[in-house]
Amino acid sequence: MKSNNSLAGLFIMLGLVISGAMFPMGISKLRSFDRTVDVKGLCEKEVMADKVIWPISHKAVSNDLNSVSEIIDYNNQAIIQFLKKNGVTDEEISLSIPKIIDRLAQDYVSDNRGFRYLGKSVVTVYSKDVEKILKVMGKTDALIKKGININQEEWGQEPSFLYESLNDIKPEMIAEATANARAAADKFAKDSGSKVGKIRTAMQGTFSIEDRDSCTPYMKKVRVVTYLTYYLDN
């Protein structure tokens, strides 16, 4: 019996010794998985807008209500004819309901108001052929020469250029951003004497679309940033 107890005790002690020797190795291996590097990958691309909304606003003033209405109608028809002459289709043109203001009925208008009636109307071009519309925009002096008062600088009446084909370039941009992130991780690993392992976490940033600059709002800058965490191997 004593012999068996001694033998059992010997095995227990041996097991404790072996476990104690392996424990630091297990900790070392566990800690190796905590060695990571966080990197960001950026991709930017310049694209041309694929849709334009162009409101052509114009005004007319007179002391006679019928005269204002006639001028507004004339201007609308002249603008539409101008657009069609330059290749804009009926489907791309819409006409707003004219708005005529009686300044005499406005409490906040001073007596030095000039003409009594002010008429406003908007002809809107909505097109996916941005290049065509840009060319037409460059010819609007023909309308001004006809005496049509186009309010091109009025707030809220500026052309809007949109880019709606983001899904077409998303995969390519994400791949490029991820490749740039991997290159950054490889550089860090090389400098630290390590190797890049598997991806631990990955997160795609939000795509942003902005005007390239204030002078060319039809050119857009698309940007995305990806965030990745890699394991580092010895």
C-alpha atoms as a PDB file:
ATOM      1  CA  MET A   1       0.000   0.000   0.000  1.00  0.00           C
ATOM      2  CA  LYS A   2       2.776   2.426   0.927  1.00  0.00           C
ATOM      3  CA  SER A   3       4.555   1.493  -2.275  1.00  0.00           C
ATOM      4  CA  ASN A   4       1.440   2.354  -4.330  1.00  0.00           C
ATOM      5  CA  ASN A   5       0.981   5.648  -2.498  1.00  0.00           C
ATOM      6  CA  SER A   6       4.602   6.564  -3.099  1.00  0.00           C
ATOM      7  CA  LEU A   7       4.278   5.717  -6.765  1.00  0.00           C
ATOM      8  CA  ALA A   8       1.099   7.818  -7.082  1.00  0.00           C
ATOM      9  CA  GLY A   9       2.783  10.719  -5.365  1.00  0.00           C
ATOM     10  CA  LEU A  10       5.730  10.421  -7.709  1.00  0.00           C
ATOM     11  CA  PHE A  11       3.439  10.618 -10.747  1.00  0.00           C
ATOM     12  CA  ILE A  12       1.675  13.666  -9.312  1.00  0.00           C
ATOM     13  CA  MET A  13       4.947  15.456  -8.689  1.00  0.00           C
ATOM     14  CA  LEU A  14       6.157  14.555 -12.165  1.00  0.00           C
ATOM     15  CA  GLY A  15       2.943  15.910 -13.667  1.00  0.00           C
ATOM     16  CA  LEU A  16       3.293  19.168 -11.763  1.00  0.00           C
ATOM     17  CA  VAL A  17       6.869  19.556 -12.929  1.00  0.00           C
ATOM     18  CA  ILE A  18       5.934  18.950 -16.556  1.00  0.00           C
ATOM     19  CA  SER A  19       2.949  21.304 -16.322  1.00  0.00           C
ATOM     20  CA  GLY A  20       5.097  23.955 -14.745  1.00  0.00           C
ATOM     21  CA  ALA A  21       7.624  23.634 -17.538  1.00  0.00           C
ATOM     22  CA  MET A  22       4.962  23.887 -20.274  1.00  0.00           C
ATOM     23  CA  PHE A  23       3.020  26.747 -18.669  1.00  0.00           C
ATOM     24  CA  PRO A  24       5.440  29.505 -19.743  1.00  0.00           C
ATOM     25  CA  MET A  25       5.390  28.115 -23.297  1.00  0.00           C
ATOM     26  CA  GLY A  26       1.594  28.329 -23.333  1.00  0.00           C
ATOM     27  CA  ILE A  27       1.683  31.915 -22.099  1.00  0.00           C
ATOM     28  CA  SER A  28       4.274  32.772 -24.719  1.00  0.00           C
ATOM     29  CA  LYS A  29       2.129  31.312 -27.478  1.00  0.00           C
ATOM     30  CA  LEU A  30      -0.952  33.090 -26.165  1.00  0.00           C
ATOM     31  CA  ARG A  31       0.836  36.411 -26.067  1.00  0.00           C
ATOM     32  CA  SER A  32       2.029  35.951 -29.633  1.00  0.00           C
ATOM     33  CA  PHE A  33      -1.579  36.189 -30.764  1.00  0.00           C
ATOM     34  CA  ASP A  34      -1.830  39.585 -29.058  1.00  0.00           C
ATOM     35  CA  ARG A  35       0.843  41.018 -31.333  1.00  0.00           C
ATOM     36  CA  THR A  36      -1.124  42.999 -33.895  1.00  0.00           C
ATOM     37  CA  VAL A  37      -0.813  46.088 -36.044  1.00  0.00           C
ATOM     38  CA  ASP A  38      -3.630  48.509 -36.898  1.00  0.00           C
ATOM     39  CA  VAL A  39      -3.429  50.108 -40.349  1.00  0.00           C
ATOM     40  CA  LYS A  40      -5.560  52.294 -42.597  1.00  0.00           C
ATOM     41  CA  GLY A  41      -5.839  52.061 -46.364  1.00  0.00           C
ATOM     42  CA  LEU A  42      -6.886  55.059 -48.427  1.00  0.00           C
ATOM     43  CA  CYS A  43      -8.234  55.198 -51.971  1.00  0.00           C
ATOM     44  CA  GLU A  44      -9.254  58.359 -53.825  1.00  0.00           C
ATOM     45  CA  LYS A  45     -10.630  58.639 -57.337  1.00  0.00           C
ATOM     46  CA  GLU A  46     -11.726  61.560 -59.500  1.00  0.00           C
ATOM     47  CA  VAL A  47     -14.865  61.005 -61.541  1.00  0.00           C
ATOM     48  CA  MET A  48     -17.209  63.127 -63.596  1.00  0.00           C
ATOM     49  CA  ALA A  49     -20.769  63.692 -62.405  1.00  0.00           C
ATOM     50  CA  ASP A  50     -23.337  61.519 -64.134  1.00  0.00           C
ATOM     51  CA  LYS A  51     -26.401  63.679 -63.509  1.00  0.00           C
ATOM     52  CA  VAL A  52     -27.119  67.417 -63.626  1.00  0.00           C
ATOM     53  CA  ILE A  53     -30.056  69.469 -62.383  1.00  0.00           C
ATOM     54  CA  TRP A  54     -29.949  72.942 -63.938  1.00  0.00           C
ATOM     55  CA  PRO A  55     -32.618  75.445 -62.889  1.00  0.00           C
ATOM     56  CA  ILE A  56     -32.818  78.384 -65.290  1.00  0.00           C
ATOM     57  CA  SER A  57     -34.512  81.116 -63.281  1.00  0.00           C
ATOM     58  CA  HIS A  58     -35.711  84.367 -64.836  1.00  0.00           C
ATOM     59  CA  LYS A  59     -37.658  87.448 -63.784  1.00  0.00           C
ATOM     60  CA  ALA A  60     -39.861  90.144 -65.267  1.00  0.00           C
ATOM     61  CA  VAL A  61     -41.082  93.448 -63.787  1.00  0.00           C
ATOM     62  CA  SER A  62     -43.823  95.846 -64.841  1.00  0.00           C
ATOM     63  CA  ASN A  63     -46.577  98.049 -63.485  1.00  0.00           C
ATOM     64  CA  ASP A  64     -49.061  96.064 -65.558  1.00  0.00           C
ATOM     65  CA  LEU A  65     -50.025  92.565 -64.425  1.00  0.00           C
ATOM     66  CA  ASN A  66     -50.815  91.254 -67.901  1.00  0.00           C
ATOM     67  CA  SER A  67     -47.509  92.590 -69.203  1.00  0.00           C
ATOM     68  CA  VAL A  68     -45.562  90.669 -66.542  1.00  0.00           C
ATOM     69  CA  SER A  69     -47.451  87.489 -67.384  1.00  0.00           C
ATOM     70  CA  GLU A  70     -46.759  87.907 -71.099  1.00  0.00           C
ATOM     71  CA  ILE A  71     -43.035  88.514 -70.515  1.00  0.00           C
ATOM     72  CA  ILE A  72     -42.780  85.405 -68.328  1.00  0.00           C
ATOM     73  CA  ASP A  73     -44.513  83.288 -70.990  1.00  0.00           C
ATOM     74  CA  TYR A  74     -42.261  84.689 -73.716  1.00  0.00           C
ATOM     75  CA  ASN A  75     -39.129  84.014 -71.676  1.00  0.00           C
ATOM     76  CA  ASN A  76     -40.198  80.455 -70.910  1.00  0.00           C
ATOM     77  CA  GLN A  77     -40.809  79.671 -74.568  1.00  0.00           C
ATOM     78  CA  ALA A  78     -37.543  81.332 -75.643  1.00  0.00           C
ATOM     79  CA  ILE A  79     -35.572  79.339 -73.085  1.00  0.00           C
ATOM     80  CA  ILE A  80     -37.219  76.057 -74.087  1.00  0.00           C
ATOM     81  CA  GLN A  81     -36.552  76.740 -77.780  1.00  0.00           C
ATOM     82  CA  PHE A  82     -32.938  77.555 -76.954  1.00  0.00           C
ATOM     83  CA  LEU A  83     -32.533  74.297 -75.063  1.00  0.00           C
ATOM     84  CA  LYS A  84     -34.098  72.169 -77.794  1.00  0.00           C
ATOM     85  CA  LYS A  85     -31.980  73.874 -80.441  1.00  0.00           C
ATOM     86  CA  ASN A  86     -28.921  72.730 -78.512  1.00  0.00           C
ATOM     87  CA  GLY A  87     -29.973  69.094 -78.186  1.00  0.00           C
ATOM     88  CA  VAL A  88     -31.898  69.070 -74.902  1.00  0.00           C
ATOM     89  CA  THR A  89     -34.941  66.794 -75.182  1.00  0.00           C
ATOM     90  CA  ASP A  90     -38.501  67.342 -73.985  1.00  0.00           C
ATOM     91  CA  GLU A  91     -38.011  64.632 -71.362  1.00  0.00           C
ATOM     92  CA  GLU A  92     -35.108  66.587 -69.887  1.00  0.00           C
ATOM     93  CA  ILE A  93     -37.075  69.860 -69.553  1.00  0.00           C
ATOM     94  CA  SER A  94     -39.656  70.818 -66.929  1.00  0.00           C
ATOM     95  CA  LEU A  95     -41.420  74.125 -66.339  1.00  0.00           C
ATOM     96  CA  SER A  96     -42.428  75.527 -62.956  1.00  0.00           C
ATOM     97  CA  ILE A  97     -45.639  77.413 -62.245  1.00  0.00           C
ATOM     98  CA  PRO A  98     -44.889  81.138 -62.615  1.00  0.00           C
ATOM     99  CA  LYS A  99     -45.049  83.255 -59.474  1.00  0.00           C
ATOM    100  CA  ILE A 100     -46.127  86.899 -59.629  1.00  0.00           C
ATOM    101  CA  ILE A 101     -45.759  89.205 -56.636  1.00  0.00           C
ATOM    102  CA  ASP A 102     -47.683  92.447 -56.126  1.00  0.00           C
ATOM    103  CA  ARG A 103     -45.140  94.616 -54.367  1.00  0.00           C
ATOM    104  CA  LEU A 104     -47.799  97.119 -53.412  1.00  0.00           C
ATOM    105  CA  ALA A 105     -49.440  94.433 -51.283  1.00  0.00           C
ATOM    106  CA  GLN A 106     -46.213  93.656 -49.419  1.00  0.00           C
ATOM    107  CA  ASP A 107     -46.052  95.446 -46.066  1.00  0.00           C
ATOM    108  CA  TYR A 108     -42.269  95.192 -45.846  1.00  0.00           C
ATOM    109  CA  VAL A 109     -41.565  96.833 -49.235  1.00  0.00           C
ATOM    110  CA  SER A 110     -40.620 100.520 -49.174  1.00  0.00           C
ATOM    111  CA  ASP A 111     -42.328 103.153 -51.309  1.00  0.00           C
ATOM    112  CA  ASN A 112     -39.219 103.267 -53.478  1.00  0.00           C
ATOM    113  CA  ARG A 113     -40.126  99.979 -55.053  1.00  0.00           C
ATOM    114  CA  GLY A 114     -39.897 100.813 -58.769  1.00  0.00           C
ATOM    115  CA  PHE A 115     -42.235  98.493 -60.635  1.00  0.00           C
ATOM    116  CA  ARG A 116     -45.321  97.150 -58.910  1.00  0.00           C
ATOM    117  CA  TYR A 117     -45.326  93.563 -60.208  1.00  0.00           C
ATOM    118  CA  LEU A 118     -42.481  91.068 -60.087  1.00  0.00           C
ATOM    119  CA  GLY A 119     -42.782  87.794 -61.954  1.00  0.00           C
ATOM    120  CA  LYS A 120     -40.557  84.735 -61.528  1.00  0.00           C
ATOM    121  CA  SER A 121     -40.376  81.397 -63.294  1.00  0.00           C
ATOM    122  CA  VAL A 122     -37.944  78.479 -63.587  1.00  0.00           C
ATOM    123  CA  VAL A 123     -37.190  76.173 -66.483  1.00  0.00           C
ATOM    124  CA  THR A 124     -35.371  73.119 -65.102  1.00  0.00           C
ATOM    125  CA  VAL A 125     -33.108  70.783 -67.035  1.00  0.00           C
ATOM    126  CA  TYR A 126     -32.676  67.301 -65.579  1.00  0.00           C
ATOM    127  CA  SER A 127     -30.216  65.204 -67.557  1.00  0.00           C
ATOM    128  CA  LYS A 128     -27.748  62.333 -67.339  1.00  0.00           C
ATOM    129  CA  ASP A 129     -25.750  63.720 -70.252  1.00  0.00           C
ATOM    130  CA  VAL A 130     -23.581  66.079 -68.229  1.00  0.00           C
ATOM    131  CA  GLU A 131     -21.134  66.885 -71.014  1.00  0.00           C
ATOM    132  CA  LYS A 132     -23.958  67.964 -73.319  1.00  0.00           C
ATOM    133  CA  ILE A 133     -25.508  70.235 -70.702  1.00  0.00           C
ATOM    134  CA  LEU A 134     -22.154  71.801 -69.871  1.00  0.00           C
ATOM    135  CA  LYS A 135     -21.827  72.830 -73.510  1.00  0.00           C
ATOM    136  CA  VAL A 136     -25.329  74.309 -73.461  1.00  0.00           C
ATOM    137  CA  MET A 137     -24.513  76.257 -70.300  1.00  0.00           C
ATOM    138  CA  GLY A 138     -21.672  77.914 -72.154  1.00  0.00           C
ATOM    139  CA  LYS A 139     -24.107  79.331 -74.728  1.00  0.00           C
ATOM    140  CA  THR A 140     -26.570  81.098 -72.413  1.00  0.00           C
ATOM    141  CA  ASP A 141     -25.297  84.493 -73.535  1.00  0.00           C
ATOM    142  CA  ALA A 142     -27.642  83.990 -76.506  1.00  0.00           C
ATOM    143  CA  LEU A 143     -30.567  84.291 -74.072  1.00  0.00           C
ATOM    144  CA  ILE A 144     -29.127  87.367 -72.397  1.00  0.00           C
ATOM    145  CA  LYS A 145     -28.800  89.047 -75.795  1.00  0.00           C
ATOM    146  CA  LYS A 146     -32.537  88.497 -76.266  1.00  0.00           C
ATOM    147  CA  GLY A 147     -33.152  90.502 -73.102  1.00  0.00           C
ATOM    148  CA  ILE A 148     -34.013  87.512 -70.916  1.00  0.00           C
ATOM    149  CA  ASN A 149     -32.941  88.254 -67.353  1.00  0.00           C
ATOM    150  CA  ILE A 150     -31.442  84.915 -66.271  1.00  0.00           C
ATOM    151  CA  ASN A 151     -30.611  84.843 -62.578  1.00  0.00           C
ATOM    152  CA  GLN A 152     -27.615  82.552 -62.733  1.00  0.00           C
ATOM    153  CA  GLU A 153     -26.121  83.779 -59.466  1.00  0.00           C
ATOM    154  CA  GLU A 154     -29.298  83.668 -57.368  1.00  0.00           C
ATOM    155  CA  TRP A 155     -28.932  81.587 -54.210  1.00  0.00           C
ATOM    156  CA  GLY A 156     -30.553  78.178 -54.512  1.00  0.00           C
ATOM    157  CA  GLN A 157     -30.646  78.333 -58.317  1.00  0.00           C
ATOM    158  CA  GLU A 158     -27.157  77.015 -58.989  1.00  0.00           C
ATOM    159  CA  PRO A 159     -26.760  73.854 -61.103  1.00  0.00           C
ATOM    160  CA  SER A 160     -26.421  70.660 -59.072  1.00  0.00           C
ATOM    161  CA  PHE A 161     -24.048  67.951 -60.253  1.00  0.00           C
ATOM    162  CA  LEU A 162     -24.491  64.467 -58.823  1.00  0.00           C
ATOM    163  CA  TYR A 163     -22.581  61.195 -59.020  1.00  0.00           C
ATOM    164  CA  GLU A 164     -24.850  58.170 -58.630  1.00  0.00           C
ATOM    165  CA  SER A 165     -22.692  55.361 -60.062  1.00  0.00           C
ATOM    166  CA  LEU A 166     -20.814  54.691 -56.824  1.00  0.00           C
ATOM    167  CA  ASN A 167     -21.705  50.989 -56.798  1.00  0.00           C
ATOM    168  CA  ASP A 168     -19.858  50.557 -60.100  1.00  0.00           C
ATOM    169  CA  ILE A 169     -16.512  51.627 -58.612  1.00  0.00           C
ATOM    170  CA  LYS A 170     -16.940  50.433 -55.010  1.00  0.00           C
ATOM    171  CA  PRO A 171     -15.293  46.976 -55.410  1.00  0.00           C
ATOM    172  CA  GLU A 172     -12.254  48.406 -57.208  1.00  0.00           C
ATOM    173  CA  MET A 173     -11.777  51.169 -54.649  1.00  0.00           C
ATOM    174  CA  ILE A 174     -12.160  48.848 -51.653  1.00  0.00           C
ATOM    175  CA  ALA A 175      -9.615  46.464 -53.175  1.00  0.00           C
ATOM    176  CA  GLU A 176      -7.139  49.301 -53.704  1.00  0.00           C
ATOM    177  CA  ALA A 177      -7.653  50.676 -50.194  1.00  0.00           C
ATOM    178  CA  THR A 178      -7.153  47.196 -48.716  1.00  0.00           C
ATOM    179  CA  ALA A 179      -3.980  46.699 -50.753  1.00  0.00           C
ATOM    180  CA  ASN A 180      -2.642  50.017 -49.475  1.00  0.00           C
ATOM    181  CA  ALA A 181      -3.412  48.957 -45.916  1.00  0.00           C
ATOM    182  CA  ARG A 182      -1.577  45.663 -46.437  1.00  0.00           C
ATOM    183  CA  ALA A 183       1.447  47.527 -47.815  1.00  0.00           C
ATOM    184  CA  ALA A 184       1.509  49.694 -44.696  1.00  0.00           C
ATOM    185  CA  ALA A 185       1.301  46.593 -42.480  1.00  0.00           C
ATOM    186  CA  ASP A 186       4.136  44.913 -44.415  1.00  0.00           C
ATOM    187  CA  LYS A 187       6.326  47.980 -43.933  1.00  0.00           C
ATOM    188  CA  PHE A 188       5.649  48.057 -40.187  1.00  0.00           C
ATOM    189  CA  ALA A 189       6.277  44.331 -39.841  1.00  0.00           C
ATOM    190  CA  LYS A 190       9.559  44.554 -41.748  1.00  0.00           C
ATOM    191  CA  ASP A 191      10.785  47.411 -39.581  1.00  0.00           C
ATOM    192  CA  SER A 192       9.919  45.457 -36.432  1.00  0.00           C
ATOM    193  CA  GLY A 193      11.424  42.166 -37.610  1.00  0.00           C
ATOM    194  CA  SER A 194       8.059  40.442 -37.947  1.00  0.00           C
ATOM    195  CA  LYS A 195       5.794  39.099 -40.638  1.00  0.00           C
ATOM    196  CA  VAL A 196       2.200  39.974 -41.352  1.00  0.00           C
ATOM    197  CA  GLY A 197      -0.204  37.193 -40.465  1.00  0.00           C
ATOM    198  CA  LYS A 198      -3.919  36.809 -40.929  1.00  0.00           C
ATOM    199  CA  ILE A 199      -6.466  39.598 -40.651  1.00  0.00           C
ATOM    200  CA  ARG A 200      -7.890  39.930 -37.181  1.00  0.00           C
ATOM    201  CA  THR A 201     -10.512  42.580 -37.900  1.00  0.00           C
ATOM    202  CA  ALA A 202     -11.515  44.611 -40.946  1.00  0.00           C
ATOM    203  CA  MET A 203     -13.838  47.573 -41.277  1.00  0.00           C
ATOM    204  CA  GLN A 204     -14.787  49.490 -44.387  1.00  0.00           C
ATOM    205  CA  GLY A 205     -15.044  53.213 -43.897  1.00  0.00           C
ATOM    206  CA  THR A 206     -17.818  55.375 -45.319  1.00  0.00           C
ATOM    207  CA  PHE A 207     -17.553  56.529 -48.916  1.00  0.00           C
ATOM    208  CA  SER A 208     -17.552  60.291 -49.369  1.00  0.00           C
ATOM    209  CA  ILE A 209     -18.257  62.247 -52.559  1.00  0.00           C
ATOM    210  CA  GLU A 210     -17.226  65.885 -52.745  1.00  0.00           C
ATOM    211  CA  ASP A 211     -16.634  68.510 -55.401  1.00  0.00           C
ATOM    212  CA  ARG A 212     -13.045  68.441 -56.550  1.00  0.00           C
ATOM    213  CA  ASP A 213     -12.994  72.225 -56.289  1.00  0.00           C
ATOM    214  CA  SER A 214     -15.361  75.188 -56.386  1.00  0.00           C
ATOM    215  CA  CYS A 215     -14.605  75.966 -60.043  1.00  0.00           C
ATOM    216  CA  THR A 216     -15.504  72.544 -61.450  1.00  0.00           C
ATOM    217  CA  PRO A 217     -18.421  71.168 -59.389  1.00  0.00           C
ATOM    218  CA  TYR A 218     -19.081  68.595 -62.133  1.00  0.00           C
ATOM    219  CA  MET A 219     -15.812  66.850 -61.194  1.00  0.00           C
ATOM    220  CA  LYS A 220     -16.136  64.755 -58.046  1.00  0.00           C
ATOM    221  CA  LYS A 221     -13.602  63.303 -55.629  1.00  0.00           C
ATOM    222  CA  VAL A 222     -14.633  59.909 -54.262  1.00  0.00           C
ATOM    223  CA  ARG A 223     -12.822  58.756 -51.111  1.00  0.00           C
ATOM    224  CA  VAL A 224     -12.877  55.671 -48.893  1.00  0.00           C
ATOM    225  CA  VAL A 225     -10.724  54.513 -45.979  1.00  0.00           C
ATOM    226  CA  THR A 226     -10.506  50.918 -44.789  1.00  0.00           C
ATOM    227  CA  TYR A 227      -9.396  49.957 -41.271  1.00  0.00           C
ATOM    228  CA  LEU A 228      -7.649  46.608 -40.748  1.00  0.00           C
ATOM    229  CA  THR A 229      -5.910  44.819 -37.901  1.00  0.00           C
ATOM    230  CA  TYR A 230      -3.328  42.141 -38.763  1.00  0.00           C
ATOM    231  CA  TYR A 231      -1.675  39.554 -36.562  1.00  0.00           C
ATOM    232  CA  LEU A 232       2.098  39.715 -36.503  1.00  0.00           C
ATOM    233  CA  ASP A 233       4.151  36.505 -36.690  1.00  0.00           C
ATOM    234  CA  ASN A 234       7.774  36.105 -35.645  1.00  0.00           C
END
